[in-house]
C-alpha atoms as a PDB file:
ATOM      1  CA  MET A   1     118.193  93.134  89.757  1.00  0.00           C
ATOM      2  CA  ASP A   2     120.162  89.912  89.258  1.00  0.00           C
ATOM      3  CA  GLU A   3     118.591  88.387  92.373  1.00  0.00           C
ATOM      4  CA  LYS A   4     115.142  89.116  90.930  1.00  0.00           C
ATOM      5  CA  ARG A   5     116.050  87.451  87.649  1.00  0.00           C
ATOM      6  CA  GLU A   6     117.540  84.487  89.443  1.00  0.00           C
ATOM      7  CA  GLY A   7     114.075  83.766  90.860  1.00  0.00           C
ATOM      8  CA  LEU A   8     112.637  83.376  87.371  1.00  0.00           C
ATOM      9  CA  GLY A   9     114.583  80.246  86.636  1.00  0.00           C
ATOM     10  CA  GLY A  10     118.249  79.368  86.804  1.00  0.00           C
ATOM     11  CA  GLY A  11     118.601  78.157  83.200  1.00  0.00           C
ATOM     12  CA  LEU A  12     116.927  81.175  81.620  1.00  0.00           C
ATOM     13  CA  PRO A  13     119.225  83.164  79.295  1.00  0.00           C
ATOM     14  CA  GLU A  14     119.468  86.868  80.123  1.00  0.00           C
ATOM     15  CA  PHE A  15     117.626  87.885  76.924  1.00  0.00           C
ATOM     16  CA  HIS A  16     114.654  85.692  77.823  1.00  0.00           C
ATOM     17  CA  GLN A  17     114.769  86.888  81.441  1.00  0.00           C
ATOM     18  CA  ILE A  18     114.435  90.479  80.271  1.00  0.00           C
ATOM     19  CA  GLU A  19     111.798  89.511  77.695  1.00  0.00           C
ATOM     20  CA  LEU A  20     109.768  87.670  80.329  1.00  0.00           C
ATOM     21  CA  GLU A  21     109.886  90.659  82.676  1.00  0.00           C
ATOM     22  CA  LYS A  22     108.866  93.091  79.929  1.00  0.00           C
ATOM     23  CA  MET A  23     106.071  90.837  78.658  1.00  0.00           C
ATOM     24  CA  TYR A  24     104.650  90.465  82.133  1.00  0.00           C
ATOM     25  CA  GLU A  25     104.908  94.233  82.789  1.00  0.00           C
ATOM     26  CA  ALA A  26     103.129  94.939  79.484  1.00  0.00           C
ATOM     27  CA  ARG A  27     100.455  92.389  80.368  1.00  0.00           C
ATOM     28  CA  LEU A  28      99.877  94.018  83.753  1.00  0.00           C
ATOM     29  CA  SER A  29      99.714  97.463  82.136  1.00  0.00           C
ATOM     30  CA  MET A  30      97.158  96.241  79.607  1.00  0.00           C
ATOM     31  CA  ALA A  31      95.083  94.612  82.357  1.00  0.00           C
ATOM     32  CA  ASN A  32      95.178  97.917  84.252  1.00  0.00           C
ATOM     33  CA  LEU A  33      94.098  99.797  81.131  1.00  0.00           C
ATOM     34  CA  ARG A  34      91.193  97.351  80.668  1.00  0.00           C
ATOM     35  CA  GLY A  35      90.000  98.165  84.165  1.00  0.00           C
ATOM     36  CA  GLN A  36      90.260 101.895  83.547  1.00  0.00           C
ATOM     37  CA  CYS A  37      88.334 101.656  80.262  1.00  0.00           C
ATOM     38  CA  ALA A  38      85.613  99.538  81.858  1.00  0.00           C
ATOM     39  CA  THR A  39      85.285 102.103  84.651  1.00  0.00           C
ATOM     40  CA  PHE A  40      85.091 104.983  82.181  1.00  0.00           C
ATOM     41  CA  PHE A  41      82.494 103.372  79.917  1.00  0.00           C
ATOM     42  CA  GLY A  42      80.455 102.087  82.866  1.00  0.00           C
ATOM     43  CA  THR A  43      80.375 105.550  84.445  1.00  0.00           C
ATOM     44  CA  ALA A  44      79.507 107.187  81.121  1.00  0.00           C
ATOM     45  CA  ASN A  45      76.726 104.648  80.615  1.00  0.00           C
ATOM     46  CA  LEU A  46      75.212 105.368  84.018  1.00  0.00           C
ATOM     47  CA  ALA A  47      75.465 109.124  83.429  1.00  0.00           C
ATOM     48  CA  VAL A  48      73.669 108.857  80.081  1.00  0.00           C
ATOM     49  CA  ILE A  49      70.945 106.660  81.606  1.00  0.00           C
ATOM     50  CA  SER A  50      70.385 109.102  84.463  1.00  0.00           C
ATOM     51  CA  LEU A  51      70.184 111.951  81.950  1.00  0.00           C
ATOM     52  CA  ALA A  52      67.691 109.931  79.878  1.00  0.00           C
ATOM     53  CA  LEU A  53      65.493 109.385  82.916  1.00  0.00           C
ATOM     54  CA  THR A  54      65.681 113.076  83.804  1.00  0.00           C
ATOM     55  CA  VAL A  55      64.747 114.467  80.374  1.00  0.00           C
ATOM     56  CA  LYS A  56      62.580 111.473  79.319  1.00  0.00           C
ATOM     57  CA  GLU A  57      64.471 110.967  76.074  1.00  0.00           C
ATOM     58  CA  ALA A  58      64.407 107.393  74.699  1.00  0.00           C
ATOM     59  CA  SER A  59      67.272 108.022  72.292  1.00  0.00           C
ATOM     60  CA  LEU A  60      69.653 108.432  75.221  1.00  0.00           C
ATOM     61  CA  PHE A  61      68.952 104.805  76.187  1.00  0.00           C
ATOM     62  CA  LEU A  62      69.958 103.831  72.662  1.00  0.00           C
ATOM     63  CA  PHE A  63      73.114 105.932  73.007  1.00  0.00           C
ATOM     64  CA  ALA A  64      73.887 104.276  76.356  1.00  0.00           C
ATOM     65  CA  ALA A  65      73.599 100.887  74.642  1.00  0.00           C
ATOM     66  CA  LEU A  66      76.027 102.078  71.950  1.00  0.00           C
ATOM     67  CA  LEU A  67      78.479 103.132  74.653  1.00  0.00           C
ATOM     68  CA  LEU A  68      78.499  99.598  75.982  1.00  0.00           C
ATOM     69  CA  TRP A  69      79.017  98.240  72.463  1.00  0.00           C
ATOM     70  CA  ALA A  70      82.049 100.512  72.113  1.00  0.00           C
ATOM     71  CA  ALA A  71      83.337  99.207  75.440  1.00  0.00           C
ATOM     72  CA  ILE A  72      82.802  95.598  74.336  1.00  0.00           C
ATOM     73  CA  ILE A  73      84.687  96.128  71.068  1.00  0.00           C
ATOM     74  CA  LEU A  74      87.544  97.956  72.791  1.00  0.00           C
ATOM     75  CA  ASP A  75      87.800  95.306  75.473  1.00  0.00           C
ATOM     76  CA  ALA A  76      87.833  92.490  72.900  1.00  0.00           C
ATOM     77  CA  ARG A  77      90.774  94.196  71.194  1.00  0.00           C
ATOM     78  CA  MET A  78      92.555  94.517  74.533  1.00  0.00           C
ATOM     79  CA  GLN A  79      91.907  90.851  75.291  1.00  0.00           C
ATOM     80  CA  LEU A  80      93.560  90.044  71.981  1.00  0.00           C
ATOM     81  CA  SER A  81      96.654  91.983  73.064  1.00  0.00           C
ATOM     82  CA  LEU A  82      96.628  90.203  76.406  1.00  0.00           C
ATOM     83  CA  LEU A  83      96.406  86.927  74.540  1.00  0.00           C
ATOM     84  CA  GLY A  84      99.716  87.616  72.780  1.00  0.00           C
ATOM     85  CA  TYR A  85     101.453  88.537  76.032  1.00  0.00           C
ATOM     86  CA  SER A  86     100.036  85.512  77.847  1.00  0.00           C
ATOM     87  CA  PHE A  87     101.034  83.259  74.950  1.00  0.00           C
ATOM     88  CA  ARG A  88     104.656  84.384  75.035  1.00  0.00           C
ATOM     89  CA  ILE A  89     104.894  84.247  78.840  1.00  0.00           C
ATOM     90  CA  THR A  90     103.445  80.734  78.867  1.00  0.00           C
ATOM     91  CA  GLN A  91     105.652  79.706  75.945  1.00  0.00           C
ATOM     92  CA  LEU A  92     108.788  80.858  77.782  1.00  0.00           C
ATOM     93  CA  GLY A  93     107.549  79.149  80.926  1.00  0.00           C
ATOM     94  CA  ARG A  94     107.160  75.870  79.074  1.00  0.00           C
ATOM     95  CA  MET A  95     110.498  76.235  77.280  1.00  0.00           C
ATOM     96  CA  TYR A  96     112.436  76.678  80.507  1.00  0.00           C
ATOM     97  CA  GLY A  97     110.213  74.816  82.981  1.00  0.00           C
ATOM     98  CA  ILE A  98     109.368  77.846  85.107  1.00  0.00           C
ATOM     99  CA  ASP A  99     106.711  77.030  87.671  1.00  0.00           C
ATOM    100  CA  GLY A 100     107.018  79.928  90.123  1.00  0.00           C
ATOM    101  CA  GLY A 101     107.540  83.669  89.843  1.00  0.00           C
ATOM    102  CA  TYR A 102     105.886  85.562  87.027  1.00  0.00           C
ATOM    103  CA  TYR A 103     104.606  82.519  85.173  1.00  0.00           C
ATOM    104  CA  SER A 104     102.400  81.300  88.030  1.00  0.00           C
ATOM    105  CA  LEU A 105     100.694  84.700  88.423  1.00  0.00           C
ATOM    106  CA  LEU A 106      98.759  84.524  85.141  1.00  0.00           C
ATOM    107  CA  LYS A 107      95.028  84.544  85.749  1.00  0.00           C
ATOM    108  CA  PRO A 108      93.432  81.208  84.875  1.00  0.00           C
ATOM    109  CA  GLY A 109      90.365  81.458  82.720  1.00  0.00           C
ATOM    110  CA  PRO A 110      88.931  80.874  79.276  1.00  0.00           C
ATOM    111  CA  SER A 111      91.621  82.880  77.466  1.00  0.00           C
ATOM    112  CA  MET A 112      94.399  80.946  79.217  1.00  0.00           C
ATOM    113  CA  GLN A 113      92.728  77.707  78.086  1.00  0.00           C
ATOM    114  CA  TYR A 114      92.936  79.063  74.536  1.00  0.00           C
ATOM    115  CA  VAL A 115      96.617  79.954  75.040  1.00  0.00           C
ATOM    116  CA  ARG A 116      97.331  76.398  76.161  1.00  0.00           C
ATOM    117  CA  LEU A 117      95.478  75.038  73.128  1.00  0.00           C
ATOM    118  CA  LEU A 118      97.591  77.262  70.869  1.00  0.00           C
ATOM    119  CA  LEU A 119     100.791  76.119  72.560  1.00  0.00           C
ATOM    120  CA  ASP A 120      99.810  72.490  72.010  1.00  0.00           C
ATOM    121  CA  GLU A 121      99.470  73.284  68.289  1.00  0.00           C
ATOM    122  CA  HIS A 122     102.866  72.586  66.738  1.00  0.00           C
ATOM    123  CA  ASP A 123     102.249  74.402  63.453  1.00  0.00           C
ATOM    124  CA  PRO A 124     103.587  77.996  63.843  1.00  0.00           C
ATOM    125  CA  ILE A 125     101.280  79.296  61.094  1.00  0.00           C
ATOM    126  CA  ARG A 126      98.217  78.025  62.953  1.00  0.00           C
ATOM    127  CA  GLN A 127      99.585  79.491  66.169  1.00  0.00           C
ATOM    128  CA  ARG A 128      99.998  82.937  64.575  1.00  0.00           C
ATOM    129  CA  SER A 129      96.557  82.843  63.000  1.00  0.00           C
ATOM    130  CA  GLY A 130      95.114  81.732  66.339  1.00  0.00           C
ATOM    131  CA  LEU A 131      96.725  84.718  68.050  1.00  0.00           C
ATOM    132  CA  ARG A 132      94.935  87.089  65.662  1.00  0.00           C
ATOM    133  CA  LYS A 133      91.487  86.093  66.857  1.00  0.00           C
ATOM    134  CA  LEU A 134      89.907  85.065  70.114  1.00  0.00           C
ATOM    135  CA  PRO A 135      86.854  82.819  69.610  1.00  0.00           C
ATOM    136  CA  PHE A 136      83.663  83.885  71.398  1.00  0.00           C
ATOM    137  CA  ARG A 137      83.648  80.824  73.620  1.00  0.00           C
ATOM    138  CA  TYR A 138      86.932  81.969  75.175  1.00  0.00           C
ATOM    139  CA  LEU A 139      85.801  85.529  75.919  1.00  0.00           C
ATOM    140  CA  ASP A 140      85.464  86.469  79.551  1.00  0.00           C
ATOM    141  CA  ALA A 141      81.825  86.501  80.705  1.00  0.00           C
ATOM    142  CA  THR A 142      82.197  89.673  82.764  1.00  0.00           C
ATOM    143  CA  SER A 143      83.749  91.676  79.956  1.00  0.00           C
ATOM    144  CA  PHE A 144      81.655  90.437  77.033  1.00  0.00           C
ATOM    145  CA  TRP A 145      78.411  88.631  77.819  1.00  0.00           C
ATOM    146  CA  PHE A 146      77.382  90.764  80.794  1.00  0.00           C
ATOM    147  CA  PRO A 147      77.770  94.159  79.031  1.00  0.00           C
ATOM    148  CA  LEU A 148      76.192  92.681  75.906  1.00  0.00           C
ATOM    149  CA  SER A 149      73.078  91.633  77.807  1.00  0.00           C
ATOM    150  CA  ILE A 150      72.894  95.001  79.602  1.00  0.00           C
ATOM    151  CA  SER A 151      73.211  96.885  76.297  1.00  0.00           C
ATOM    152  CA  LEU A 152      70.458  94.775  74.728  1.00  0.00           C
ATOM    153  CA  LEU A 153      68.206  95.510  77.704  1.00  0.00           C
ATOM    154  CA  GLU A 154      68.960  99.233  77.397  1.00  0.00           C
ATOM    155  CA  PHE A 155      68.219  99.143  73.675  1.00  0.00           C
ATOM    156  CA  LEU A 156      64.921  97.331  74.186  1.00  0.00           C
ATOM    157  CA  LEU A 157      63.976  99.642  77.043  1.00  0.00           C
ATOM    158  CA  GLY A 158      64.692 102.663  74.843  1.00  0.00           C
ATOM    159  CA  LEU A 159      62.456 101.273  72.106  1.00  0.00           C
ATOM    160  CA  TYR A 160      59.718 100.445  74.622  1.00  0.00           C
ATOM    161  CA  LEU A 161      59.832 103.930  76.168  1.00  0.00           C
ATOM    162  CA  TRP A 162      59.624 105.490  72.700  1.00  0.00           C
ATOM    163  CA  VAL A 163      56.800 103.311  71.340  1.00  0.00           C
ATOM    164  CA  ALA A 164      54.699 102.488  74.402  1.00  0.00           C
ATOM    165  CA  CYS A 165      55.322 105.403  76.739  1.00  0.00           C
ATOM    166  CA  GLY A 166      55.579 108.203  74.183  1.00  0.00           C
ATOM    167  CA  TRP A 167      59.022 109.437  75.138  1.00  0.00           C
ATOM    168  CA  THR A 168      60.757 111.518  72.494  1.00  0.00           C
ATOM    169  CA  ILE A 169      63.360 109.864  70.321  1.00  0.00           C
ATOM    170  CA  PHE A 170      65.348 112.973  69.335  1.00  0.00           C
END
C-alpha cells in the first residue's frame, strides 16, 4: 500500500494521498455508472421504438424521446459530480506537482478545460459557484448533443406518423 502511495508523489502528505486515491476511485465509479445508465436508457429507447413500429403507435415514439431526455438530464447531473472529483484531483495535482500516476489518467475533454479554467480562478466563491453548474459549451457531445438530436428526431417522427400517416396517438 505504501509503495502505491509513494508513486503518487513523494511530497504528498498521507491525508492527501488517501484523499487522492478515494477521489479517483469515486470518479471511476461515477464514470462506470454513467456507462451503465447510458446502456440502460439506450436499450430501453430501442425497445420502445421497436414496440412502436410493431403496434403502429405514434405516442411510443414520443415516450422514447422522453426516455432520452431523462437520460440526458441524469447524465448532466453525473457530469456535474464528475466535475467536482476532477476539480479536486487536478487541484491536488497542481498543489503537489504530480505529473504521473492517477493525475495523468484523467480524460481530456471539454469538462477538463472547464476544470482548468476554474482552477485558474483565484476567488474561492467563484470556484464553488462554477462547480455547481457545467455550461452547455463544456458538455460532452456524445452524452448531450447526440442524444438530444436523436430525441428530437424521434419526437418529430412521432408527430409525423400521427398526423400524416394516421397512426394512433394513445
